[in-house]
Amino acid sequence: MEKQWWKESVVYQIYPRSFMDSNGDGIGDIKGITSKLDYLKELGIDVVWLSPVYKSPNDDNGYDISNYQDIMDEFGTMEDWDELLAELHSRGMKLMMDLVVNHTSDEHQWFIESHKSKDNPYRDYYIWRPGEDGQEPNNWVSVFSGSAWQYDEQTEEYYLHLFSKKQPDLNWENPKLRKEVYDMMTWWLEKGIDGFRMDVIDMISKVDGLPSTASGKRYDWGGEFFMNGPRVHEYLQEMNREVLSKYDIMTVGECPGASTMDAKQFSNCEGTELNMIFTFEHVSLDSGPKGKWDITPWKLVDLKHVMTKWQKDLEGKGWNSLYLNNHDQPRMVSRFGNDIQYRVKSAKMLGTFLHMMKGTPYIYQGEEIGMTNVRFESLEDYNDLEIHNMYREKVTEGSEDHDKVMEAIYAVGRDNARTPMQWDESENSGFTKGTPWLKVNPNYTKINAKQALQDPDSIFYYYHKLIQLRKEYDIIVYGTYDLILENHPTIYAYTRKLGNEILLVMCNFSEEAALFEVPEDLTFEASVILINNYEVPVNNPFHSSFQLKPYEARVYLLVK
């Protein structure tokens, strides 16, 4: 049990564009974030993860960076950022920056130079290839639809972009490029930041030769050739030697497609790469055979299988990150809970389910007040590039039904997470005095931070208690995990064990009551209830079975 501050921390993710607007232009900014730090302190947050605030033309909301060492005009100035860091540190909180180094913007100076000519010194900072028989170099499709290649008339070659055509992929094979990246990371660490969340970091290594998939399709998903590629661990170990190991920081890598085997390498206990990664297995359970937009109902038994696999496979060998939503995922209470009849109860249950597991919990802004998915009537009310590209491909240019595609957007579209933070019941939820860049969810008059702070039984104060328990009980951070009732269709129950203590966690994922029977081999001498989302009588003894109410959660500490 090697203790580390980043294992014991709770992280809060801020999506700056949607958090708080200080100047009335409708766009969240750095000064807005600084003005709300006392709110985060009251919640009990240890680390703030800031989605990108770097200089960017904003094709993909800041994940297309044109200058890594400057701040986006809409978000403020470097002086504003310096003040944010100082104010965080003065409150005992840390700052983790988003590191986006699989690609840059096509307006980055490196790329501007790179596409001037084939012999430009920066040419090899990106991945350029001649066409094949008048077509793209291979048949890879972009994450955002269409070919992953863009033709450049000036040099008569194609460049690779796994995301938007304005996000050309960097060539990590080039040692000069890698050194530039490491120098930039060091620059931020010397400014005093406390870590990096690394965007799609498992995509930086591509298979030699960039082969087409075997399907014969014109455009096809080529993830096998660029996710967890052949040199990814070599690059991360070099990054660790050159930069990360020199600072006491927290690192988490976004690794779509990574298995638990991969995760054990990325987050190995020797500390030669990263502290932890984000897996996507559990948030892909409602993806059908055709991918994200082909929605199929998820099953609790499948969620148990995935979560338990990650808990057990990494036990003593790596470290888990714990999350159910972020800026790319729909709201967790809408996806995994019941956001209408049992919104408060199910939000508390989901928080319990996650925060009692082994790993570092990540809270996405608004999760702590139970913000929900949104249903905008018009496609024009959505901002997300991915949504518009998908709609064009399926409806405008394809043959799919408008209403069916809109239902998919309502369920899993990224703008569900990006509607402005709901601060109070005033116009635009107190987010801005101007016109918000993305419409506010109309339910802000009922669901907002002001209301939550005035209600001692709110989701906010329940999360506050979850965070405090984590600081109080080592077993919540370091105890081993074991699943109970593997095949029960509605109850997710598990234990955590450390020394002579057992944590018993029981969660009902259903709007029907469910009977939980305590396993006979669970022996102990004393019990105390740590947290519960329904009233439990003070003198209520520990029973051999519990009738769990809809979306009920209970956590008992048992002492042998």
Protein backbone atom coordinates (compact mmCIF):
# COMPACT_ATOMS: atom_id res chain seq x y z
CA MET A 1 0.00 0.00 0.00
CA GLU A 2 2.11 2.86 -1.29
CA LYS A 3 0.43 6.09 -0.27
CA GLN A 4 0.34 8.93 -2.82
CA TRP A 5 -1.46 12.28 -2.72
CA TRP A 6 -2.95 11.72 -6.16
CA LYS A 7 -4.52 8.44 -5.01
CA GLU A 8 -6.21 10.27 -2.14
CA SER A 9 -7.38 13.27 -4.18
CA VAL A 10 -10.74 14.07 -5.73
CA VAL A 11 -10.53 15.86 -9.09
CA TYR A 12 -13.05 18.37 -10.48
CA GLN A 13 -13.09 18.89 -14.24
CA ILE A 14 -13.84 22.39 -15.52
CA TYR A 15 -14.91 22.99 -19.11
CA PRO A 16 -13.93 26.68 -19.19
CA ARG A 17 -16.27 27.77 -22.00
CA SER A 18 -19.29 26.64 -19.97
CA PHE A 19 -18.30 27.25 -16.34
CA MET A 20 -18.62 30.98 -15.56
CA ASP A 21 -18.53 34.13 -17.70
CA SER A 22 -17.05 37.19 -15.99
CA ASN A 23 -17.33 39.79 -18.76
CA GLY A 24 -20.76 39.23 -20.33
CA ASP A 25 -19.62 37.98 -23.75
CA GLY A 26 -21.48 34.70 -23.28
CA ILE A 27 -18.31 32.62 -23.04
CA GLY A 28 -16.93 31.21 -19.79
CA ASP A 29 -13.45 32.49 -18.93
CA ILE A 30 -10.57 32.22 -16.49
CA LYS A 31 -11.67 35.12 -14.28
CA GLY A 32 -15.06 33.43 -14.06
CA ILE A 33 -13.40 30.24 -12.81
CA THR A 34 -11.38 32.18 -10.21
CA SER A 35 -14.60 33.79 -8.93
CA LYS A 36 -16.03 30.34 -8.12
CA LEU A 37 -13.08 28.74 -6.32
CA ASP A 38 -14.68 29.09 -2.90
CA TYR A 39 -17.58 26.96 -4.21
CA LEU A 40 -15.11 24.21 -5.16
CA LYS A 41 -13.32 24.56 -1.83
CA GLU A 42 -16.62 24.13 0.00
CA LEU A 43 -17.30 20.96 -1.99
CA GLY A 44 -13.92 19.63 -0.83
CA ILE A 45 -12.09 19.42 -4.16
CA ASP A 46 -8.33 18.70 -4.13
CA VAL A 47 -7.41 19.08 -7.82
CA VAL A 48 -8.95 21.11 -10.64
CA TRP A 49 -8.50 19.71 -14.15
CA LEU A 50 -8.83 22.52 -16.65
CA SER A 51 -9.89 21.59 -20.17
CA PRO A 52 -7.75 23.47 -22.75
CA VAL A 53 -7.40 27.23 -22.35
CA TYR A 54 -4.54 27.63 -24.85
CA LYS A 55 -4.57 29.85 -27.93
CA SER A 56 -6.88 28.20 -30.45
CA PRO A 57 -9.07 29.00 -33.47
CA ASN A 58 -11.66 26.83 -31.71
CA ASP A 59 -12.59 24.37 -34.41
CA ASP A 60 -12.92 21.70 -31.71
CA ASN A 61 -13.50 23.89 -28.66
CA GLY A 62 -9.86 24.40 -27.75
CA TYR A 63 -8.55 20.91 -28.54
CA ASP A 64 -7.03 22.45 -31.68
CA ILE A 65 -4.12 24.42 -30.26
CA SER A 66 -2.30 27.13 -32.23
CA ASN A 67 0.04 28.18 -29.40
CA TYR A 68 0.74 25.98 -26.38
CA GLN A 69 2.27 28.84 -24.39
CA ASP A 70 -0.46 31.45 -24.69
CA ILE A 71 -4.10 31.79 -23.60
CA MET A 72 -7.18 31.86 -25.83
CA ASP A 73 -8.38 35.46 -26.21
CA GLU A 74 -11.95 34.56 -25.23
CA PHE A 75 -10.71 33.05 -21.96
CA GLY A 76 -8.51 35.96 -20.88
CA THR A 77 -4.78 36.54 -20.49
CA MET A 78 -1.78 34.74 -19.06
CA GLU A 79 -2.02 37.16 -16.11
CA ASP A 80 -5.56 35.90 -15.49
CA TRP A 81 -4.23 32.35 -15.61
CA ASP A 82 -1.39 33.19 -13.18
CA GLU A 83 -3.97 34.63 -10.78
CA LEU A 84 -6.10 31.45 -11.07
CA LEU A 85 -3.13 29.25 -10.21
CA ALA A 86 -2.17 31.43 -7.23
CA GLU A 87 -5.76 31.49 -5.93
CA LEU A 88 -6.06 27.71 -6.26
CA HIS A 89 -2.80 27.14 -4.42
CA SER A 90 -3.74 29.63 -1.69
CA ARG A 91 -6.82 27.48 -0.99
CA GLY A 92 -4.81 24.26 -0.87
CA MET A 93 -6.03 23.06 -4.27
CA LYS A 94 -3.92 21.91 -7.21
CA LEU A 95 -4.18 22.54 -10.97
CA MET A 96 -3.96 19.90 -13.69
CA MET A 97 -3.69 21.19 -17.26
CA ASP A 98 -4.96 19.45 -20.39
CA LEU A 99 -2.07 18.32 -22.60
CA VAL A 100 -3.06 17.91 -26.27
CA VAL A 101 -0.04 16.60 -28.16
CA ASN A 102 -1.41 14.01 -30.60
CA HIS A 103 -2.26 16.94 -32.88
CA THR A 104 -2.15 20.73 -33.11
CA SER A 105 -4.28 23.26 -34.95
CA ASP A 106 -3.48 23.78 -38.62
CA GLU A 107 -2.91 27.39 -37.52
CA HIS A 108 0.01 26.41 -35.27
CA GLN A 109 3.29 27.90 -36.47
CA TRP A 110 4.78 24.41 -36.84
CA PHE A 111 2.08 23.45 -39.33
CA ILE A 112 2.18 26.77 -41.17
CA GLU A 113 5.86 26.05 -41.80
CA SER A 114 5.29 22.36 -42.45
CA HIS A 115 3.01 22.83 -45.42
CA LYS A 116 5.11 25.51 -47.13
CA SER A 117 7.28 22.94 -48.92
CA LYS A 118 8.41 19.31 -48.78
CA ASP A 119 11.91 20.32 -47.69
CA ASN A 120 10.84 22.74 -44.93
CA PRO A 121 12.59 21.95 -41.60
CA TYR A 122 9.14 21.53 -40.01
CA ARG A 123 7.78 19.21 -42.71
CA ASP A 124 8.51 16.14 -40.61
CA TYR A 125 6.70 17.54 -37.54
CA TYR A 126 3.51 16.17 -39.14
CA ILE A 127 2.54 13.04 -41.08
CA TRP A 128 2.59 13.74 -44.83
CA ARG A 129 2.11 11.14 -47.57
CA PRO A 130 1.57 11.10 -51.33
CA GLY A 131 -1.77 9.78 -52.57
CA GLU A 132 -2.38 6.24 -53.80
CA ASP A 133 -3.84 6.02 -57.33
CA GLY A 134 -5.48 9.40 -57.05
CA GLN A 135 -6.95 8.63 -53.62
CA GLU A 136 -5.93 9.09 -50.00
CA PRO A 137 -2.79 7.28 -48.71
CA ASN A 138 -4.99 4.78 -46.85
CA ASN A 139 -8.65 4.18 -46.02
CA TRP A 140 -8.69 5.39 -42.40
CA VAL A 141 -11.75 7.30 -41.31
CA SER A 142 -11.54 10.29 -38.95
CA VAL A 143 -13.07 10.20 -35.47
CA PHE A 144 -15.26 13.09 -36.67
CA SER A 145 -16.41 11.29 -39.88
CA GLY A 146 -14.97 11.34 -43.41
CA SER A 147 -11.41 10.56 -44.46
CA ALA A 148 -8.56 10.98 -41.97
CA TRP A 149 -6.51 12.58 -44.76
CA GLN A 150 -6.62 16.11 -46.19
CA TYR A 151 -5.10 17.01 -49.54
CA ASP A 152 -2.77 20.02 -49.65
CA GLU A 153 -2.63 21.53 -53.14
CA GLN A 154 0.51 23.53 -52.39
CA THR A 155 2.76 20.50 -51.88
CA GLU A 156 0.50 17.92 -53.60
CA GLU A 157 0.49 15.58 -50.61
CA TYR A 158 -1.96 14.57 -47.91
CA TYR A 159 -1.60 15.12 -44.16
CA LEU A 160 -3.11 12.84 -41.51
CA HIS A 161 -5.78 14.15 -39.14
CA LEU A 162 -7.41 11.53 -36.92
CA PHE A 163 -9.81 14.26 -35.76
CA SER A 164 -10.89 17.45 -37.61
CA LYS A 165 -9.06 18.45 -40.79
CA LYS A 166 -7.98 21.50 -38.76
CA GLN A 167 -6.24 19.13 -36.29
CA PRO A 168 -3.24 17.64 -38.14
CA ASP A 169 -1.53 14.77 -36.29
CA LEU A 170 1.98 15.35 -34.99
CA ASN A 171 4.74 12.98 -36.06
CA TRP A 172 6.08 11.49 -32.84
CA GLU A 173 8.71 9.57 -34.81
CA ASN A 174 10.59 12.88 -35.03
CA PRO A 175 12.90 13.38 -31.99
CA LYS A 176 13.00 17.17 -32.57
CA LEU A 177 9.23 17.30 -32.27
CA ARG A 178 9.31 15.26 -29.08
CA LYS A 179 11.90 17.60 -27.56
CA GLU A 180 9.73 20.62 -28.41
CA VAL A 181 6.80 18.94 -26.62
CA TYR A 182 8.90 18.11 -23.55
CA ASP A 183 10.27 21.67 -23.40
CA MET A 184 6.73 23.04 -23.52
CA MET A 185 5.61 20.69 -20.73
CA THR A 186 8.58 21.73 -18.60
CA TRP A 187 7.68 25.40 -19.18
CA TRP A 188 4.22 24.83 -17.68
CA LEU A 189 5.54 22.76 -14.78
CA GLU A 190 8.03 25.51 -13.96
CA LYS A 191 5.08 27.89 -13.81
CA GLY A 192 3.84 25.74 -10.94
CA ILE A 193 1.12 23.44 -12.31
CA ASP A 194 0.50 20.13 -10.57
CA GLY A 195 -0.01 17.71 -13.43
CA PHE A 196 -1.35 16.87 -16.87
CA ARG A 197 -4.42 15.14 -18.26
CA MET A 198 -3.19 13.88 -21.64
CA ASP A 199 -5.64 13.96 -24.53
CA VAL A 200 -5.83 10.74 -26.64
CA ILE A 201 -2.25 10.01 -25.60
CA ASP A 202 -2.43 6.39 -26.76
CA MET A 203 -2.80 7.59 -30.38
CA ILE A 204 0.65 9.21 -30.67
CA SER A 205 2.31 6.08 -32.12
CA LYS A 206 1.18 4.83 -35.52
CA VAL A 207 2.03 1.47 -37.11
CA ASP A 208 4.88 1.63 -39.65
CA GLY A 209 3.68 2.06 -43.22
CA LEU A 210 0.23 3.31 -42.14
CA PRO A 211 -1.55 0.35 -43.77
CA SER A 212 -5.20 0.37 -44.87
CA THR A 213 -7.64 -1.89 -43.04
CA ALA A 214 -8.36 -5.26 -44.63
CA SER A 215 -12.07 -4.53 -45.15
CA GLY A 216 -11.67 -3.10 -48.63
CA LYS A 217 -14.04 -0.24 -47.68
CA ARG A 218 -13.32 3.23 -49.04
CA TYR A 219 -13.31 4.60 -45.49
CA ASP A 220 -12.93 2.40 -42.42
CA TRP A 221 -12.00 2.65 -38.73
CA GLY A 222 -8.25 2.01 -38.49
CA GLY A 223 -7.85 2.10 -34.71
CA GLU A 224 -5.76 -1.10 -34.70
CA PHE A 225 -3.04 0.91 -36.47
CA PHE A 226 -2.95 4.00 -34.25
CA MET A 227 -4.37 3.14 -30.81
CA ASN A 228 -1.78 1.74 -28.37
CA GLY A 229 0.69 1.77 -31.26
CA PRO A 230 4.08 0.03 -31.28
CA ARG A 231 6.12 2.86 -29.70
CA VAL A 232 3.59 4.45 -27.34
CA HIS A 233 5.21 3.07 -24.18
CA GLU A 234 8.68 4.01 -25.43
CA TYR A 235 7.50 7.60 -25.96
CA LEU A 236 5.82 7.83 -22.56
CA GLN A 237 8.85 6.39 -20.79
CA GLU A 238 11.01 8.99 -22.53
CA MET A 239 8.53 11.72 -21.54
CA ASN A 240 8.66 10.43 -17.98
CA ARG A 241 12.48 10.45 -17.89
CA GLU A 242 12.80 13.86 -19.53
CA VAL A 243 9.96 15.66 -17.73
CA LEU A 244 7.43 13.94 -15.49
CA SER A 245 9.79 12.20 -13.07
CA LYS A 246 11.39 15.54 -12.16
CA TYR A 247 8.21 16.87 -10.53
CA ASP A 248 5.75 15.71 -7.86
CA ILE A 249 2.73 15.75 -10.13
CA MET A 250 -0.40 13.86 -11.16
CA THR A 251 -0.76 12.39 -14.65
CA VAL A 252 -3.73 10.73 -16.33
CA GLY A 253 -3.83 9.60 -19.95
CA GLU A 254 -6.95 9.45 -22.07
CA CYS A 255 -6.60 6.05 -23.72
CA PRO A 256 -9.56 5.00 -25.85
CA GLY A 257 -9.33 1.34 -26.76
CA ALA A 258 -6.85 0.48 -24.00
CA SER A 259 -7.27 -2.89 -22.29
CA THR A 260 -6.45 -3.62 -18.66
CA MET A 261 -3.21 -5.17 -19.93
CA ASP A 262 -2.33 -1.85 -21.57
CA ALA A 263 -3.37 0.04 -18.43
CA LYS A 264 -0.99 -2.00 -16.28
CA GLN A 265 1.86 -0.74 -18.46
CA PHE A 266 0.63 2.86 -18.62
CA SER A 267 0.07 3.09 -14.85
CA ASN A 268 2.72 0.64 -13.66
CA CYS A 269 3.72 0.74 -9.98
CA GLU A 270 7.33 1.55 -10.87
CA GLY A 271 6.08 4.94 -12.05
CA THR A 272 7.90 4.86 -15.40
CA GLU A 273 4.93 6.19 -17.43
CA LEU A 274 1.69 7.70 -16.01
CA ASN A 275 -0.23 7.54 -12.73
CA MET A 276 -3.46 6.30 -14.33
CA ILE A 277 -5.49 6.29 -17.53
CA PHE A 278 -9.10 6.88 -18.55
CA THR A 279 -10.77 3.76 -19.91
CA PHE A 280 -13.89 3.95 -22.08
CA GLU A 281 -15.24 0.43 -21.72
CA HIS A 282 -17.89 1.30 -19.15
CA VAL A 283 -19.13 4.37 -21.04
CA SER A 284 -19.40 2.36 -24.27
CA LEU A 285 -21.90 -0.18 -22.93
CA ASP A 286 -24.77 1.53 -24.77
CA SER A 287 -22.89 1.61 -28.09
CA GLY A 288 -24.37 -0.80 -30.63
CA PRO A 289 -22.59 -2.66 -33.46
CA LYS A 290 -22.40 0.54 -35.54
CA GLY A 291 -20.75 2.55 -32.76
CA LYS A 292 -21.60 5.44 -30.46
CA TRP A 293 -24.72 6.69 -32.28
CA ASP A 294 -26.22 3.19 -32.58
CA ILE A 295 -27.66 3.13 -29.08
CA THR A 296 -28.58 -0.11 -27.34
CA PRO A 297 -29.84 -0.42 -23.73
CA TRP A 298 -26.99 -1.11 -21.30
CA LYS A 299 -27.25 -3.85 -18.67
CA LEU A 300 -26.10 -3.65 -15.06
CA VAL A 301 -24.53 -7.11 -15.27
CA ASP A 302 -22.29 -5.82 -18.07
CA LEU A 303 -21.35 -2.73 -16.03
CA LYS A 304 -20.40 -5.03 -13.12
CA HIS A 305 -18.26 -7.14 -15.42
CA VAL A 306 -16.36 -4.15 -16.83
CA MET A 307 -15.86 -2.29 -13.54
CA THR A 308 -14.81 -5.46 -11.71
CA LYS A 309 -12.35 -6.41 -14.45
CA TRP A 310 -10.64 -3.01 -14.14
CA GLN A 311 -10.66 -3.14 -10.34
CA LYS A 312 -9.22 -6.66 -10.11
CA ASP A 313 -6.79 -6.60 -13.07
CA LEU A 314 -5.10 -3.42 -11.82
CA GLU A 315 -5.03 -4.51 -8.17
CA GLY A 316 -1.45 -4.05 -6.95
CA LYS A 317 -0.28 -3.42 -10.52
CA GLY A 318 -1.70 -0.06 -11.54
CA TRP A 319 -4.24 2.60 -10.57
CA ASN A 320 -7.78 3.31 -11.73
CA SER A 321 -9.47 6.59 -12.57
CA LEU A 322 -13.14 6.71 -11.64
CA TYR A 323 -15.65 8.65 -13.74
CA LEU A 324 -19.10 8.32 -15.28
CA ASN A 325 -19.21 11.57 -17.29
CA ASN A 326 -16.98 14.29 -18.72
CA HIS A 327 -16.97 16.90 -21.52
CA ASP A 328 -17.26 14.15 -24.17
CA GLN A 329 -19.93 12.05 -22.43
CA PRO A 330 -23.61 12.60 -21.64
CA ARG A 331 -24.72 13.46 -18.11
CA MET A 332 -24.39 10.43 -15.85
CA VAL A 333 -27.73 10.82 -14.06
CA SER A 334 -29.46 10.77 -17.46
CA ARG A 335 -27.47 7.81 -18.74
CA PHE A 336 -27.08 5.55 -15.71
CA GLY A 337 -29.76 6.87 -13.35
CA ASN A 338 -33.27 8.33 -13.60
CA ASP A 339 -33.15 12.07 -14.31
CA ILE A 340 -36.87 12.69 -13.78
CA GLN A 341 -38.68 10.86 -10.97
CA TYR A 342 -35.55 9.83 -9.02
CA ARG A 343 -33.01 12.44 -10.14
CA VAL A 344 -31.72 13.30 -6.65
CA LYS A 345 -31.79 9.75 -5.29
CA SER A 346 -30.13 8.21 -8.37
CA ALA A 347 -27.50 10.96 -8.59
CA LYS A 348 -26.53 10.26 -4.97
CA MET A 349 -26.55 6.50 -5.60
CA LEU A 350 -24.25 6.86 -8.63
CA GLY A 351 -21.88 9.09 -6.66
CA THR A 352 -21.75 6.46 -3.90
CA PHE A 353 -21.18 3.62 -6.36
CA LEU A 354 -18.22 5.42 -7.91
CA HIS A 355 -16.54 7.15 -4.95
CA MET A 356 -16.41 4.00 -2.85
CA MET A 357 -14.39 2.15 -5.50
CA LYS A 358 -10.60 1.94 -5.61
CA GLY A 359 -9.14 4.71 -7.76
CA THR A 360 -9.12 8.49 -8.09
CA PRO A 361 -12.62 9.97 -8.56
CA TYR A 362 -13.28 12.66 -11.19
CA ILE A 363 -16.31 14.95 -10.83
CA TYR A 364 -17.44 16.78 -13.97
CA GLN A 365 -18.81 20.28 -13.48
CA GLY A 366 -22.52 20.21 -12.61
CA GLU A 367 -22.46 16.54 -11.63
CA GLU A 368 -22.45 17.63 -7.99
CA ILE A 369 -25.85 19.32 -8.44
CA GLY A 370 -27.32 16.61 -10.67
CA MET A 371 -27.34 18.43 -14.00
CA THR A 372 -29.06 16.45 -16.74
CA ASN A 373 -28.98 15.91 -20.50
CA VAL A 374 -30.73 18.54 -22.63
CA ARG A 375 -33.22 18.19 -25.50
CA PHE A 376 -32.90 21.15 -27.88
CA GLU A 377 -35.63 21.06 -30.53
CA SER A 378 -33.47 22.35 -33.36
CA LEU A 379 -30.19 20.94 -34.63
CA GLU A 380 -29.07 24.57 -34.97
CA ASP A 381 -29.07 24.88 -31.17
CA TYR A 382 -26.21 22.36 -31.01
CA ASN A 383 -22.63 23.57 -31.36
CA ASP A 384 -20.57 20.37 -31.37
CA LEU A 385 -18.57 19.61 -34.52
CA GLU A 386 -19.04 15.86 -34.00
CA ILE A 387 -22.84 16.20 -33.83
CA HIS A 388 -23.06 18.28 -37.02
CA ASN A 389 -20.67 16.05 -38.98
CA MET A 390 -22.59 12.95 -37.92
CA TYR A 391 -25.97 14.51 -38.79
CA ARG A 392 -24.75 15.57 -42.22
CA GLU A 393 -23.37 12.10 -42.95
CA LYS A 394 -26.46 10.19 -41.73
CA VAL A 395 -29.37 12.49 -42.65
CA THR A 396 -28.36 15.20 -45.12
CA GLU A 397 -26.16 12.96 -47.28
CA GLY A 398 -27.52 9.62 -46.09
CA SER A 399 -30.93 8.09 -45.66
CA GLU A 400 -31.44 7.93 -41.90
CA ASP A 401 -34.51 9.41 -40.22
CA HIS A 402 -34.17 12.90 -38.69
CA ASP A 403 -36.16 12.05 -35.55
CA LYS A 404 -34.17 8.87 -34.89
CA VAL A 405 -30.84 10.71 -35.24
CA MET A 406 -32.04 13.52 -32.96
CA GLU A 407 -32.92 10.92 -30.30
CA ALA A 408 -29.33 9.66 -30.49
CA ILE A 409 -28.06 13.23 -30.07
CA TYR A 410 -30.33 13.68 -27.04
CA ALA A 411 -28.91 10.50 -25.52
CA VAL A 412 -25.16 10.68 -26.16
CA GLY A 413 -24.31 14.00 -27.88
CA ARG A 414 -21.36 15.84 -26.35
CA ASP A 415 -23.30 19.10 -25.92
CA ASN A 416 -25.26 17.40 -23.12
CA ALA A 417 -22.17 18.00 -20.99
CA ARG A 418 -21.40 21.42 -22.41
CA THR A 419 -24.52 23.42 -21.63
CA PRO A 420 -23.55 26.24 -19.24
CA MET A 421 -23.13 25.54 -15.54
CA GLN A 422 -26.37 26.21 -13.69
CA TRP A 423 -25.52 28.65 -10.90
CA ASP A 424 -28.92 30.10 -9.96
CA GLU A 425 -32.46 30.70 -11.20
CA SER A 426 -31.74 34.10 -12.79
CA GLU A 427 -31.62 34.57 -16.56
CA ASN A 428 -29.13 32.22 -18.26
CA SER A 429 -28.71 30.45 -14.91
CA GLY A 430 -26.34 33.16 -13.65
CA PHE A 431 -23.69 31.90 -16.09
CA THR A 432 -23.58 35.10 -18.15
CA LYS A 433 -25.15 38.52 -18.47
CA GLY A 434 -24.85 38.19 -22.24
CA THR A 435 -26.06 35.59 -24.75
CA PRO A 436 -24.55 32.20 -23.87
CA TRP A 437 -22.42 30.52 -26.56
CA LEU A 438 -24.61 27.42 -26.08
CA LYS A 439 -28.14 27.58 -24.73
CA VAL A 440 -28.68 26.83 -21.05
CA ASN A 441 -30.65 23.70 -20.17
CA PRO A 442 -34.23 25.01 -19.52
CA ASN A 443 -34.40 23.10 -16.21
CA TYR A 444 -31.92 25.54 -14.60
CA THR A 445 -34.69 27.25 -12.63
CA LYS A 446 -35.10 24.03 -10.61
CA ILE A 447 -31.59 22.58 -10.82
CA ASN A 448 -28.87 25.04 -9.82
CA ALA A 449 -26.02 25.54 -7.36
CA LYS A 450 -27.79 28.23 -5.35
CA GLN A 451 -30.71 25.89 -4.65
CA ALA A 452 -28.28 23.05 -3.81
CA LEU A 453 -26.34 25.17 -1.32
CA GLN A 454 -29.57 26.15 0.47
CA ASP A 455 -30.77 22.54 0.83
CA PRO A 456 -28.88 20.45 3.44
CA ASP A 457 -30.23 17.29 1.75
CA SER A 458 -28.95 18.25 -1.73
CA ILE A 459 -26.70 16.25 -4.02
CA PHE A 460 -23.98 18.86 -3.41
CA TYR A 461 -23.79 18.16 0.33
CA TYR A 462 -24.00 14.41 -0.30
CA TYR A 463 -20.92 14.70 -2.57
CA HIS A 464 -19.26 16.83 0.10
CA LYS A 465 -19.76 13.96 2.53
CA LEU A 466 -18.44 11.37 0.03
CA ILE A 467 -15.28 13.46 -0.34
CA GLN A 468 -14.88 13.92 3.43
CA LEU A 469 -15.26 10.17 4.04
CA ARG A 470 -12.47 9.54 1.55
CA LYS A 471 -10.17 11.80 3.58
CA GLU A 472 -11.19 10.11 6.84
CA TYR A 473 -11.00 6.40 5.96
CA ASP A 474 -7.94 4.79 4.38
CA ILE A 475 -10.05 1.80 3.38
CA ILE A 476 -11.94 3.91 0.81
CA VAL A 477 -8.68 4.78 -0.95
CA TYR A 478 -6.56 1.67 -0.39
CA GLY A 479 -8.87 -1.26 0.38
CA THR A 480 -9.13 -4.19 -2.03
CA TYR A 481 -12.33 -4.56 -4.06
CA ASP A 482 -14.55 -7.64 -4.41
CA LEU A 483 -17.89 -7.95 -6.19
CA ILE A 484 -20.98 -9.49 -4.55
CA LEU A 485 -24.02 -10.83 -6.49
CA GLU A 486 -22.34 -10.97 -9.88
CA ASN A 487 -25.54 -11.77 -11.79
CA HIS A 488 -28.14 -9.73 -9.90
CA PRO A 489 -29.95 -7.61 -12.53
CA THR A 490 -30.52 -4.47 -10.40
CA ILE A 491 -28.25 -4.49 -7.33
CA TYR A 492 -24.56 -3.57 -7.58
CA ALA A 493 -22.89 -4.53 -4.28
CA TYR A 494 -19.24 -4.88 -3.41
CA THR A 495 -16.82 -4.91 -0.50
CA ARG A 496 -13.56 -3.11 0.15
CA LYS A 497 -11.18 -4.68 2.66
CA LEU A 498 -8.20 -3.28 4.57
CA GLY A 499 -6.76 -4.77 7.74
CA ASN A 500 -9.62 -5.75 10.07
CA GLU A 501 -12.13 -3.45 8.33
CA ILE A 502 -14.67 -4.18 5.61
CA LEU A 503 -16.62 -1.61 3.65
CA LEU A 504 -19.95 -2.96 2.36
CA VAL A 505 -21.39 -0.93 -0.52
CA MET A 506 -24.90 -1.65 -1.83
CA CYS A 507 -26.56 0.24 -4.67
CA ASN A 508 -29.96 -0.34 -6.27
CA PHE A 509 -29.82 0.70 -9.95
CA SER A 510 -33.59 0.35 -10.39
CA GLU A 511 -36.85 2.21 -9.79
CA GLU A 512 -38.17 -1.00 -8.20
CA ALA A 513 -37.37 -2.06 -4.65
CA ALA A 514 -34.87 -4.93 -4.45
CA LEU A 515 -33.86 -7.37 -1.72
CA PHE A 516 -30.17 -7.54 -0.83
CA GLU A 517 -29.08 -10.55 1.20
CA VAL A 518 -25.76 -10.22 3.00
CA PRO A 519 -23.38 -13.07 2.12
CA GLU A 520 -23.06 -15.58 4.96
CA ASP A 521 -19.26 -15.49 4.88
CA LEU A 522 -19.25 -11.75 5.70
CA THR A 523 -18.45 -11.96 9.41
CA PHE A 524 -17.79 -8.99 11.71
CA GLU A 525 -18.26 -7.77 15.28
CA ALA A 526 -19.40 -4.18 14.85
CA SER A 527 -21.04 -2.08 12.13
CA VAL A 528 -21.66 1.60 11.47
CA ILE A 529 -23.43 3.20 8.53
CA LEU A 530 -21.16 5.73 6.79
CA ILE A 531 -23.48 7.20 4.18
CA ASN A 532 -26.97 6.60 2.82
CA ASN A 533 -29.31 8.44 0.45
CA TYR A 534 -32.54 7.50 2.25
CA GLU A 535 -33.42 8.01 5.92
CA VAL A 536 -32.17 5.11 8.03
CA PRO A 537 -33.31 4.98 11.70
CA VAL A 538 -30.44 5.91 14.02
CA ASN A 539 -30.77 2.72 16.05
CA ASN A 540 -31.26 0.57 12.94
CA PRO A 541 -29.29 -2.66 13.47
CA PHE A 542 -27.34 -4.36 10.71
CA HIS A 543 -29.56 -7.08 9.21
CA SER A 544 -28.87 -10.22 7.23
CA SER A 545 -30.95 -8.73 4.42
CA PHE A 546 -32.02 -5.27 3.29
CA GLN A 547 -35.01 -4.16 1.26
CA LEU A 548 -33.41 -1.46 -0.88
CA LYS A 549 -35.72 1.30 -2.08
CA PRO A 550 -35.57 2.64 -5.66
CA TYR A 551 -32.02 3.91 -6.36
CA GLU A 552 -31.07 3.44 -2.71
CA ALA A 553 -27.41 3.39 -1.69
CA ARG A 554 -25.94 2.39 1.67
CA VAL A 555 -22.37 2.03 2.84
CA TYR A 556 -21.53 0.20 6.07
CA LEU A 557 -18.16 0.00 7.79
CA LEU A 558 -17.79 -3.42 9.37
CA VAL A 559 -15.06 -4.22 11.90
CA LYS A 560 -13.91 -7.80 12.48
